[in-house]
Amino acid sequence: MRFRSLLLAAAVMFAGTSVQADDEKSLHDFTVTSIEFKDMPLAEYKGKAVLMVNTASYCGYTPQYEGLQALWNEYKDKGLVVLGVPANDFGDQEPGSEKNIKNFCKVNFQVDFPMTKKMVVKGGPDNAPVYEWLASELGEESRPKWNFHKYLIDREGHPVAYFSSKVTPQSDEMKAAVEKVLNASGR
């Protein structure tokens, strides 16, 4: 009986420490790899809001690149970073190399917002650590279910909302959320 009590006390103490450590983490604690295969410390975005979007070149939602670029153009000087994250998790709709993806985005949608190399975003053992963290912060239901799922992260690096693929970058809902995050930080 005493052993079970000690074990329970240790589990409670460990759980409390683990939760506290997660609460202190922010987007700025992660480094990803850019589409050009260079380190991309997300700490570079301290003081900026980030819209992180898993993308794919051959999806029914691919035209959202145009809206993402427009959102980037409209809000980048106000502190928004659109971060594209190519992923081949859903329907094998991003089969190309990073070079092919970058070229596709530039030629078809004039994309010049930052992009990462391909990542696993839907969960599982190969999932990108930043996507694991996002799900742990916003809940399992926040995991991407398809391409062009969006996470909105505030200027301090804390996730504040997620949007399904159906919510377009130029929708009133998206713009209101972006403006709220940009204005909340008082910059």
N, C-alpha and C. Protein backbone atom coordinates (compact mmCIF):
# COMPACT_ATOMS: atom_id res chain seq x y z
N MET A 1 0.83 -1.20 0.00
CA MET A 1 0.00 0.00 0.00
C MET A 1 0.87 1.26 0.00
N ARG A 2 1.90 1.25 0.84
CA ARG A 2 2.79 2.41 0.90
C ARG A 2 3.46 2.64 -0.46
N PHE A 3 3.86 1.56 -1.13
CA PHE A 3 4.50 1.67 -2.43
C PHE A 3 3.57 2.35 -3.43
N ARG A 4 2.28 1.95 -3.43
CA ARG A 4 1.32 2.57 -4.34
C ARG A 4 1.15 4.05 -4.04
N SER A 5 1.15 4.41 -2.76
CA SER A 5 1.02 5.82 -2.38
C SER A 5 2.22 6.63 -2.87
N LEU A 6 3.41 6.06 -2.70
CA LEU A 6 4.62 6.74 -3.18
C LEU A 6 4.61 6.86 -4.70
N LEU A 7 4.19 5.80 -5.35
CA LEU A 7 4.12 5.81 -6.81
C LEU A 7 3.13 6.87 -7.30
N LEU A 8 1.98 6.93 -6.65
CA LEU A 8 0.97 7.92 -7.00
C LEU A 8 1.50 9.34 -6.76
N ALA A 9 2.16 9.57 -5.64
CA ALA A 9 2.72 10.89 -5.34
C ALA A 9 3.77 11.28 -6.38
N ALA A 10 4.61 10.32 -6.77
CA ALA A 10 5.64 10.59 -7.78
C ALA A 10 4.98 10.91 -9.12
N ALA A 11 3.93 10.18 -9.47
CA ALA A 11 3.25 10.41 -10.74
C ALA A 11 2.62 11.80 -10.77
N VAL A 12 2.00 12.21 -9.66
CA VAL A 12 1.39 13.53 -9.58
C VAL A 12 2.45 14.61 -9.68
N MET A 13 3.57 14.42 -8.98
CA MET A 13 4.65 15.40 -9.02
C MET A 13 5.22 15.49 -10.43
N PHE A 14 5.45 14.36 -11.08
CA PHE A 14 6.00 14.35 -12.43
C PHE A 14 5.03 14.98 -13.41
N ALA A 15 3.75 14.67 -13.28
CA ALA A 15 2.75 15.23 -14.19
C ALA A 15 2.70 16.74 -14.05
N GLY A 16 2.77 17.24 -12.83
CA GLY A 16 2.76 18.68 -12.62
C GLY A 16 3.96 19.35 -13.26
N THR A 17 5.10 18.74 -13.15
CA THR A 17 6.31 19.30 -13.76
C THR A 17 6.19 19.30 -15.26
N SER A 18 5.68 18.22 -15.83
CA SER A 18 5.56 18.11 -17.28
C SER A 18 4.61 19.16 -17.83
N VAL A 19 3.49 19.36 -17.17
CA VAL A 19 2.51 20.34 -17.64
C VAL A 19 3.11 21.74 -17.57
N GLN A 20 3.80 22.03 -16.48
CA GLN A 20 4.40 23.34 -16.32
C GLN A 20 5.41 23.60 -17.43
N ALA A 21 6.23 22.63 -17.77
CA ALA A 21 7.23 22.80 -18.82
C ALA A 21 6.55 23.08 -20.16
N ASP A 22 5.46 22.35 -20.46
CA ASP A 22 4.75 22.58 -21.72
C ASP A 22 4.14 23.97 -21.76
N ASP A 23 3.63 24.45 -20.61
CA ASP A 23 3.02 25.76 -20.56
C ASP A 23 4.04 26.86 -20.87
N GLU A 24 5.30 26.61 -20.56
CA GLU A 24 6.33 27.61 -20.78
C GLU A 24 6.83 27.61 -22.22
N LYS A 25 6.56 26.58 -22.97
CA LYS A 25 7.06 26.46 -24.33
C LYS A 25 6.27 27.38 -25.26
N SER A 26 6.94 27.85 -26.31
CA SER A 26 6.27 28.66 -27.32
C SER A 26 6.79 28.25 -28.69
N LEU A 27 6.18 28.79 -29.71
CA LEU A 27 6.62 28.52 -31.08
C LEU A 27 8.09 28.87 -31.24
N HIS A 28 8.52 29.86 -30.51
CA HIS A 28 9.89 30.36 -30.63
C HIS A 28 10.94 29.38 -30.13
N ASP A 29 10.51 28.31 -29.48
CA ASP A 29 11.44 27.28 -29.00
C ASP A 29 11.79 26.25 -30.07
N PHE A 30 11.16 26.33 -31.23
CA PHE A 30 11.35 25.33 -32.28
C PHE A 30 12.21 25.87 -33.42
N THR A 31 12.95 24.98 -34.02
CA THR A 31 13.66 25.26 -35.25
C THR A 31 13.19 24.25 -36.27
N VAL A 32 12.82 24.72 -37.44
CA VAL A 32 12.41 23.85 -38.54
C VAL A 32 13.43 24.03 -39.65
N THR A 33 13.23 23.34 -40.74
CA THR A 33 14.12 23.45 -41.89
C THR A 33 13.37 24.13 -43.02
N SER A 34 13.98 25.14 -43.60
CA SER A 34 13.33 25.88 -44.68
C SER A 34 13.26 25.02 -45.94
N ILE A 35 12.48 25.48 -46.89
CA ILE A 35 12.34 24.78 -48.16
C ILE A 35 13.67 24.74 -48.92
N GLU A 36 14.59 25.63 -48.53
CA GLU A 36 15.94 25.65 -49.11
C GLU A 36 16.92 24.81 -48.29
N PHE A 37 16.40 24.05 -47.29
CA PHE A 37 17.18 23.17 -46.43
C PHE A 37 18.16 23.92 -45.53
N LYS A 38 17.73 25.07 -45.04
CA LYS A 38 18.51 25.83 -44.07
C LYS A 38 17.74 25.84 -42.76
N ASP A 39 18.48 25.93 -41.65
CA ASP A 39 17.81 26.05 -40.36
C ASP A 39 16.94 27.30 -40.35
N MET A 40 15.74 27.13 -39.80
CA MET A 40 14.80 28.24 -39.69
C MET A 40 14.35 28.30 -38.23
N PRO A 41 15.12 29.00 -37.37
CA PRO A 41 14.69 29.12 -35.98
C PRO A 41 13.43 29.97 -35.92
N LEU A 42 12.37 29.42 -35.35
CA LEU A 42 11.12 30.16 -35.29
C LEU A 42 11.19 31.31 -34.29
N ALA A 43 12.27 31.39 -33.53
CA ALA A 43 12.53 32.54 -32.67
C ALA A 43 12.70 33.81 -33.50
N GLU A 44 13.01 33.64 -34.79
CA GLU A 44 13.10 34.80 -35.69
C GLU A 44 11.77 35.54 -35.78
N TYR A 45 10.69 34.89 -35.39
CA TYR A 45 9.36 35.48 -35.50
C TYR A 45 8.85 36.04 -34.18
N LYS A 46 9.75 36.20 -33.19
CA LYS A 46 9.33 36.83 -31.93
C LYS A 46 8.79 38.22 -32.25
N GLY A 47 7.65 38.54 -31.65
CA GLY A 47 7.03 39.82 -31.90
C GLY A 47 6.12 39.85 -33.12
N LYS A 48 6.04 38.74 -33.82
CA LYS A 48 5.17 38.65 -35.00
C LYS A 48 4.12 37.56 -34.77
N ALA A 49 2.96 37.75 -35.36
CA ALA A 49 1.94 36.69 -35.36
C ALA A 49 2.28 35.77 -36.54
N VAL A 50 1.96 34.49 -36.39
CA VAL A 50 2.28 33.51 -37.43
C VAL A 50 1.01 32.74 -37.79
N LEU A 51 0.77 32.63 -39.09
CA LEU A 51 -0.29 31.75 -39.61
C LEU A 51 0.44 30.58 -40.27
N MET A 52 0.39 29.44 -39.63
CA MET A 52 1.11 28.25 -40.08
C MET A 52 0.13 27.34 -40.81
N VAL A 53 0.44 27.03 -42.08
CA VAL A 53 -0.51 26.32 -42.94
C VAL A 53 0.16 25.13 -43.60
N ASN A 54 -0.41 23.92 -43.42
CA ASN A 54 0.14 22.78 -44.17
C ASN A 54 -0.44 22.81 -45.58
N THR A 55 0.45 22.75 -46.56
CA THR A 55 0.08 22.98 -47.96
C THR A 55 0.32 21.74 -48.82
N ALA A 56 -0.27 21.76 -50.00
CA ALA A 56 -0.07 20.69 -50.98
C ALA A 56 -0.34 21.26 -52.37
N SER A 57 0.44 20.81 -53.34
CA SER A 57 0.36 21.34 -54.70
C SER A 57 -0.77 20.77 -55.54
N TYR A 58 -1.26 19.59 -55.18
CA TYR A 58 -2.26 18.91 -56.02
C TYR A 58 -3.51 18.59 -55.22
N CYS A 59 -4.11 19.60 -54.65
CA CYS A 59 -5.27 19.45 -53.78
C CYS A 59 -6.36 20.40 -54.28
N GLY A 60 -7.59 20.07 -53.99
CA GLY A 60 -8.69 20.97 -54.33
C GLY A 60 -8.57 22.32 -53.64
N TYR A 61 -7.83 22.37 -52.52
CA TYR A 61 -7.63 23.62 -51.79
C TYR A 61 -6.38 24.37 -52.24
N THR A 62 -5.62 23.83 -53.18
CA THR A 62 -4.38 24.47 -53.63
C THR A 62 -4.58 25.93 -54.05
N PRO A 63 -5.71 26.31 -54.64
CA PRO A 63 -5.89 27.73 -54.97
C PRO A 63 -5.83 28.66 -53.75
N GLN A 64 -5.89 28.11 -52.54
CA GLN A 64 -5.75 28.95 -51.35
C GLN A 64 -4.36 29.60 -51.27
N TYR A 65 -3.39 29.08 -52.02
CA TYR A 65 -2.09 29.76 -52.08
C TYR A 65 -2.27 31.23 -52.46
N GLU A 66 -3.17 31.49 -53.39
CA GLU A 66 -3.41 32.86 -53.83
C GLU A 66 -3.89 33.72 -52.66
N GLY A 67 -4.83 33.20 -51.88
CA GLY A 67 -5.32 33.92 -50.71
C GLY A 67 -4.28 34.07 -49.63
N LEU A 68 -3.46 33.05 -49.44
CA LEU A 68 -2.38 33.14 -48.45
C LEU A 68 -1.39 34.24 -48.83
N GLN A 69 -1.05 34.29 -50.12
CA GLN A 69 -0.13 35.32 -50.59
C GLN A 69 -0.75 36.71 -50.41
N ALA A 70 -2.05 36.84 -50.70
CA ALA A 70 -2.73 38.13 -50.52
C ALA A 70 -2.76 38.53 -49.05
N LEU A 71 -3.02 37.56 -48.16
CA LEU A 71 -3.02 37.83 -46.72
C LEU A 71 -1.64 38.29 -46.27
N TRP A 72 -0.62 37.59 -46.74
CA TRP A 72 0.78 37.95 -46.44
C TRP A 72 1.07 39.38 -46.91
N ASN A 73 0.68 39.70 -48.14
CA ASN A 73 0.92 41.04 -48.67
C ASN A 73 0.20 42.11 -47.85
N GLU A 74 -1.02 41.80 -47.43
CA GLU A 74 -1.83 42.77 -46.71
C GLU A 74 -1.35 43.02 -45.28
N TYR A 75 -0.86 41.98 -44.61
CA TYR A 75 -0.58 42.09 -43.18
C TYR A 75 0.89 41.95 -42.78
N LYS A 76 1.79 41.67 -43.70
CA LYS A 76 3.18 41.45 -43.29
C LYS A 76 3.81 42.69 -42.66
N ASP A 77 3.47 43.87 -43.14
CA ASP A 77 4.02 45.09 -42.55
C ASP A 77 3.40 45.42 -41.20
N LYS A 78 2.32 44.73 -40.86
CA LYS A 78 1.67 44.91 -39.56
C LYS A 78 2.09 43.83 -38.57
N GLY A 79 2.94 42.88 -39.04
CA GLY A 79 3.48 41.88 -38.11
C GLY A 79 3.00 40.46 -38.31
N LEU A 80 2.41 40.13 -39.45
CA LEU A 80 1.97 38.75 -39.70
C LEU A 80 2.99 38.03 -40.58
N VAL A 81 3.30 36.81 -40.21
CA VAL A 81 4.10 35.92 -41.05
C VAL A 81 3.20 34.77 -41.48
N VAL A 82 3.09 34.54 -42.76
CA VAL A 82 2.44 33.33 -43.27
C VAL A 82 3.56 32.33 -43.47
N LEU A 83 3.42 31.15 -42.89
CA LEU A 83 4.44 30.11 -42.98
C LEU A 83 3.83 28.87 -43.61
N GLY A 84 4.25 28.58 -44.83
CA GLY A 84 3.76 27.41 -45.55
C GLY A 84 4.56 26.18 -45.17
N VAL A 85 3.84 25.08 -44.90
CA VAL A 85 4.46 23.82 -44.49
C VAL A 85 3.98 22.72 -45.44
N PRO A 86 4.73 22.45 -46.51
CA PRO A 86 4.31 21.38 -47.41
C PRO A 86 4.23 20.04 -46.68
N ALA A 87 3.18 19.29 -46.98
CA ALA A 87 2.98 17.98 -46.35
C ALA A 87 2.34 17.03 -47.36
N ASN A 88 2.80 15.82 -47.35
CA ASN A 88 2.26 14.80 -48.26
C ASN A 88 1.40 13.80 -47.49
N ASP A 89 0.77 14.26 -46.42
CA ASP A 89 0.03 13.39 -45.51
C ASP A 89 -1.35 12.98 -46.00
N PHE A 90 -1.93 13.76 -46.87
CA PHE A 90 -3.32 13.56 -47.24
C PHE A 90 -3.44 13.33 -48.74
N GLY A 91 -3.73 12.11 -49.13
CA GLY A 91 -3.96 11.78 -50.52
C GLY A 91 -2.74 11.89 -51.42
N ASP A 92 -1.54 11.85 -50.84
CA ASP A 92 -0.31 11.96 -51.64
C ASP A 92 -0.38 13.15 -52.60
N GLN A 93 -0.82 14.29 -52.09
CA GLN A 93 -1.04 15.46 -52.93
C GLN A 93 0.13 16.45 -52.92
N GLU A 94 1.24 16.02 -52.30
CA GLU A 94 2.47 16.82 -52.34
C GLU A 94 3.65 15.89 -52.56
N PRO A 95 3.70 15.24 -53.75
CA PRO A 95 4.73 14.22 -53.98
C PRO A 95 6.08 14.76 -54.41
N GLY A 96 6.15 16.02 -54.82
CA GLY A 96 7.37 16.56 -55.40
C GLY A 96 8.46 16.87 -54.40
N SER A 97 9.62 17.19 -54.93
CA SER A 97 10.75 17.62 -54.11
C SER A 97 10.52 19.06 -53.65
N GLU A 98 11.31 19.50 -52.69
CA GLU A 98 11.20 20.87 -52.23
C GLU A 98 11.46 21.86 -53.37
N LYS A 99 12.41 21.54 -54.23
CA LYS A 99 12.69 22.42 -55.37
C LYS A 99 11.46 22.53 -56.27
N ASN A 100 10.81 21.39 -56.54
CA ASN A 100 9.59 21.39 -57.36
C ASN A 100 8.47 22.18 -56.69
N ILE A 101 8.32 22.00 -55.39
CA ILE A 101 7.25 22.69 -54.64
C ILE A 101 7.48 24.20 -54.69
N LYS A 102 8.70 24.63 -54.41
CA LYS A 102 9.02 26.06 -54.42
C LYS A 102 8.76 26.66 -55.80
N ASN A 103 9.18 25.98 -56.83
CA ASN A 103 8.96 26.46 -58.20
C ASN A 103 7.47 26.52 -58.52
N PHE A 104 6.73 25.48 -58.17
CA PHE A 104 5.28 25.44 -58.40
C PHE A 104 4.60 26.64 -57.74
N CYS A 105 4.95 26.91 -56.50
CA CYS A 105 4.33 28.01 -55.75
C CYS A 105 4.68 29.36 -56.35
N LYS A 106 5.92 29.52 -56.75
CA LYS A 106 6.37 30.80 -57.32
C LYS A 106 5.72 31.05 -58.68
N VAL A 107 5.76 30.04 -59.55
CA VAL A 107 5.24 30.20 -60.92
C VAL A 107 3.72 30.36 -60.94
N ASN A 108 3.02 29.57 -60.16
CA ASN A 108 1.55 29.57 -60.22
C ASN A 108 0.87 30.58 -59.31
N PHE A 109 1.52 30.94 -58.19
CA PHE A 109 0.85 31.80 -57.21
C PHE A 109 1.72 32.96 -56.72
N GLN A 110 2.91 33.12 -57.30
CA GLN A 110 3.84 34.20 -56.92
C GLN A 110 4.12 34.20 -55.42
N VAL A 111 4.18 33.03 -54.82
CA VAL A 111 4.41 32.90 -53.38
C VAL A 111 5.82 33.38 -53.04
N ASP A 112 5.88 34.30 -52.08
CA ASP A 112 7.18 34.71 -51.55
C ASP A 112 7.20 34.71 -50.02
N PHE A 113 6.13 34.16 -49.40
CA PHE A 113 6.17 34.01 -47.95
C PHE A 113 7.06 32.81 -47.61
N PRO A 114 7.57 32.74 -46.38
CA PRO A 114 8.48 31.64 -46.02
C PRO A 114 7.79 30.29 -46.06
N MET A 115 8.56 29.28 -46.43
CA MET A 115 8.06 27.91 -46.47
C MET A 115 9.13 26.99 -45.87
N THR A 116 8.65 25.89 -45.34
CA THR A 116 9.55 24.88 -44.77
C THR A 116 9.72 23.73 -45.77
N LYS A 117 10.62 22.84 -45.44
CA LYS A 117 10.68 21.58 -46.19
C LYS A 117 9.45 20.77 -45.83
N LYS A 118 9.20 19.70 -46.54
CA LYS A 118 8.03 18.86 -46.25
C LYS A 118 8.13 18.30 -44.84
N MET A 119 6.98 18.25 -44.18
CA MET A 119 6.88 17.70 -42.82
C MET A 119 5.67 16.79 -42.74
N VAL A 120 5.71 15.91 -41.76
CA VAL A 120 4.53 15.13 -41.38
C VAL A 120 3.78 15.96 -40.35
N VAL A 121 2.48 16.18 -40.59
CA VAL A 121 1.71 17.09 -39.74
C VAL A 121 0.48 16.45 -39.10
N LYS A 122 0.07 15.27 -39.57
CA LYS A 122 -1.21 14.70 -39.11
C LYS A 122 -1.11 13.87 -37.85
N GLY A 123 0.09 13.65 -37.36
CA GLY A 123 0.29 12.84 -36.16
C GLY A 123 1.05 11.57 -36.49
N GLY A 124 1.38 10.82 -35.47
CA GLY A 124 2.12 9.59 -35.66
C GLY A 124 3.58 9.74 -35.28
N PRO A 125 4.34 8.65 -35.38
CA PRO A 125 5.72 8.65 -34.89
C PRO A 125 6.66 9.59 -35.64
N ASP A 126 6.36 9.92 -36.88
CA ASP A 126 7.23 10.81 -37.66
C ASP A 126 6.74 12.25 -37.67
N ASN A 127 5.72 12.55 -36.87
CA ASN A 127 5.15 13.89 -36.86
C ASN A 127 6.19 14.93 -36.47
N ALA A 128 6.13 16.08 -37.12
CA ALA A 128 7.03 17.18 -36.79
C ALA A 128 6.79 17.62 -35.35
N PRO A 129 7.86 17.82 -34.57
CA PRO A 129 7.69 18.23 -33.17
C PRO A 129 6.84 19.48 -32.98
N VAL A 130 6.95 20.45 -33.87
CA VAL A 130 6.16 21.66 -33.72
C VAL A 130 4.66 21.35 -33.87
N TYR A 131 4.32 20.40 -34.71
CA TYR A 131 2.90 20.01 -34.86
C TYR A 131 2.42 19.20 -33.67
N GLU A 132 3.30 18.42 -33.06
CA GLU A 132 2.94 17.72 -31.82
C GLU A 132 2.63 18.74 -30.72
N TRP A 133 3.49 19.74 -30.64
CA TRP A 133 3.30 20.79 -29.64
C TRP A 133 1.98 21.53 -29.87
N LEU A 134 1.70 21.89 -31.13
CA LEU A 134 0.45 22.60 -31.43
C LEU A 134 -0.76 21.78 -30.98
N ALA A 135 -0.74 20.48 -31.27
CA ALA A 135 -1.86 19.61 -30.85
C ALA A 135 -1.94 19.52 -29.33
N SER A 136 -0.79 19.50 -28.66
CA SER A 136 -0.82 19.42 -27.20
C SER A 136 -1.36 20.72 -26.60
N GLU A 137 -1.12 21.84 -27.26
CA GLU A 137 -1.59 23.13 -26.76
C GLU A 137 -3.08 23.36 -27.04
N LEU A 138 -3.53 22.99 -28.23
CA LEU A 138 -4.91 23.29 -28.63
C LEU A 138 -5.83 22.09 -28.58
N GLY A 139 -5.30 20.91 -28.28
CA GLY A 139 -6.11 19.71 -28.18
C GLY A 139 -6.02 18.83 -29.41
N GLU A 140 -6.26 17.56 -29.21
CA GLU A 140 -6.16 16.57 -30.30
C GLU A 140 -7.07 16.92 -31.49
N GLU A 141 -8.23 17.53 -31.19
CA GLU A 141 -9.16 17.87 -32.28
C GLU A 141 -8.59 18.94 -33.20
N SER A 142 -7.52 19.60 -32.78
CA SER A 142 -6.93 20.66 -33.61
C SER A 142 -5.96 20.12 -34.66
N ARG A 143 -5.67 18.83 -34.63
CA ARG A 143 -4.73 18.27 -35.62
C ARG A 143 -5.29 18.44 -37.03
N PRO A 144 -4.41 18.69 -38.00
CA PRO A 144 -4.87 18.80 -39.38
C PRO A 144 -5.58 17.53 -39.84
N LYS A 145 -6.71 17.73 -40.49
CA LYS A 145 -7.49 16.62 -41.05
C LYS A 145 -7.32 16.55 -42.57
N TRP A 146 -6.76 17.63 -43.14
CA TRP A 146 -6.54 17.70 -44.58
C TRP A 146 -5.56 18.83 -44.85
N ASN A 147 -5.23 19.01 -46.11
CA ASN A 147 -4.33 20.08 -46.53
C ASN A 147 -4.96 21.45 -46.29
N PHE A 148 -4.12 22.44 -46.08
CA PHE A 148 -4.51 23.83 -45.87
C PHE A 148 -5.26 24.06 -44.57
N HIS A 149 -4.91 23.27 -43.56
CA HIS A 149 -5.34 23.49 -42.19
C HIS A 149 -4.46 24.61 -41.63
N LYS A 150 -5.03 25.49 -40.84
CA LYS A 150 -4.30 26.68 -40.42
C LYS A 150 -4.26 26.81 -38.90
N TYR A 151 -3.08 27.17 -38.39
CA TYR A 151 -2.90 27.51 -36.98
C TYR A 151 -2.52 28.97 -36.90
N LEU A 152 -3.15 29.71 -35.99
CA LEU A 152 -2.80 31.11 -35.76
C LEU A 152 -2.09 31.21 -34.41
N ILE A 153 -0.92 31.81 -34.44
CA ILE A 153 -0.06 31.92 -33.25
C ILE A 153 0.18 33.39 -32.97
N ASP A 154 0.06 33.79 -31.71
CA ASP A 154 0.19 35.22 -31.38
C ASP A 154 1.65 35.66 -31.37
N ARG A 155 1.86 36.94 -31.13
CA ARG A 155 3.20 37.54 -31.18
C ARG A 155 4.15 36.96 -30.13
N GLU A 156 3.59 36.40 -29.08
CA GLU A 156 4.41 35.81 -28.03
C GLU A 156 4.72 34.34 -28.30
N GLY A 157 4.19 33.81 -29.40
CA GLY A 157 4.47 32.43 -29.79
C GLY A 157 3.48 31.42 -29.25
N HIS A 158 2.32 31.87 -28.80
CA HIS A 158 1.31 30.97 -28.25
C HIS A 158 0.19 30.75 -29.26
N PRO A 159 -0.16 29.48 -29.54
CA PRO A 159 -1.27 29.23 -30.46
C PRO A 159 -2.58 29.70 -29.87
N VAL A 160 -3.38 30.39 -30.69
CA VAL A 160 -4.63 30.94 -30.20
C VAL A 160 -5.85 30.39 -30.92
N ALA A 161 -5.66 29.84 -32.13
CA ALA A 161 -6.80 29.33 -32.89
C ALA A 161 -6.31 28.41 -34.00
N TYR A 162 -7.24 27.59 -34.48
CA TYR A 162 -6.97 26.78 -35.66
C TYR A 162 -8.20 26.83 -36.55
N PHE A 163 -7.97 26.60 -37.85
CA PHE A 163 -9.03 26.72 -38.83
C PHE A 163 -8.95 25.54 -39.78
N SER A 164 -10.08 24.97 -40.10
CA SER A 164 -10.12 23.86 -41.04
C SER A 164 -9.76 24.35 -42.44
N SER A 165 -9.54 23.41 -43.31
CA SER A 165 -9.19 23.70 -44.70
C SER A 165 -10.24 24.54 -45.39
N LYS A 166 -11.47 24.42 -44.96
CA LYS A 166 -12.58 25.13 -45.62
C LYS A 166 -12.56 26.63 -45.35
N VAL A 167 -11.88 27.05 -44.30
CA VAL A 167 -11.80 28.47 -43.99
C VAL A 167 -10.71 29.08 -44.87
N THR A 168 -11.13 29.94 -45.78
CA THR A 168 -10.18 30.49 -46.73
C THR A 168 -9.39 31.64 -46.11
N PRO A 169 -8.18 31.87 -46.61
CA PRO A 169 -7.35 32.95 -46.06
C PRO A 169 -7.97 34.33 -46.17
N GLN A 170 -8.81 34.55 -47.15
CA GLN A 170 -9.42 35.86 -47.35
C GLN A 170 -10.82 35.97 -46.73
N SER A 171 -11.24 34.96 -46.00
CA SER A 171 -12.57 34.99 -45.38
C SER A 171 -12.62 36.04 -44.27
N ASP A 172 -13.82 36.52 -43.99
CA ASP A 172 -14.01 37.47 -42.90
C ASP A 172 -13.54 36.87 -41.58
N GLU A 173 -13.82 35.57 -41.38
CA GLU A 173 -13.42 34.89 -40.15
C GLU A 173 -11.91 34.92 -39.97
N MET A 174 -11.17 34.61 -41.04
CA MET A 174 -9.72 34.58 -40.94
C MET A 174 -9.16 35.98 -40.71
N LYS A 175 -9.63 36.94 -41.49
CA LYS A 175 -9.12 38.31 -41.35
C LYS A 175 -9.42 38.87 -39.96
N ALA A 176 -10.59 38.59 -39.43
CA ALA A 176 -10.95 39.08 -38.09
C ALA A 176 -10.01 38.47 -37.04
N ALA A 177 -9.72 37.18 -37.17
CA ALA A 177 -8.83 36.51 -36.22
C ALA A 177 -7.42 37.08 -36.31
N VAL A 178 -6.93 37.28 -37.53
CA VAL A 178 -5.59 37.84 -37.72
C VAL A 178 -5.53 39.24 -37.13
N GLU A 179 -6.51 40.07 -37.43
CA GLU A 179 -6.50 41.44 -36.92
C GLU A 179 -6.59 41.47 -35.39
N LYS A 180 -7.38 40.58 -34.83
CA LYS A 180 -7.49 40.50 -33.37
C LYS A 180 -6.13 40.17 -32.75
N VAL A 181 -5.42 39.20 -33.31
CA VAL A 181 -4.12 38.82 -32.78
C VAL A 181 -3.10 39.94 -32.97
N LEU A 182 -3.13 40.58 -34.12
CA LEU A 182 -2.18 41.68 -34.37
C LEU A 182 -2.46 42.86 -33.43
N ASN A 183 -3.72 43.16 -33.19
CA ASN A 183 -4.08 44.30 -32.33
C ASN A 183 -3.93 43.99 -30.85
N ALA A 184 -4.04 42.73 -30.47
CA ALA A 184 -3.99 42.36 -29.04
C ALA A 184 -2.63 42.65 -28.44
N SER A 185 -1.61 42.60 -29.24
CA SER A 185 -0.26 42.80 -28.72
C SER A 185 0.12 44.26 -28.66
N GLY A 186 -0.75 45.12 -29.18
CA GLY A 186 -0.51 46.54 -29.08
C GLY A 186 0.64 47.06 -29.91
N ARG A 187 0.95 46.39 -31.00
CA ARG A 187 2.07 46.86 -31.83
C ARG A 187 1.54 47.41 -33.12
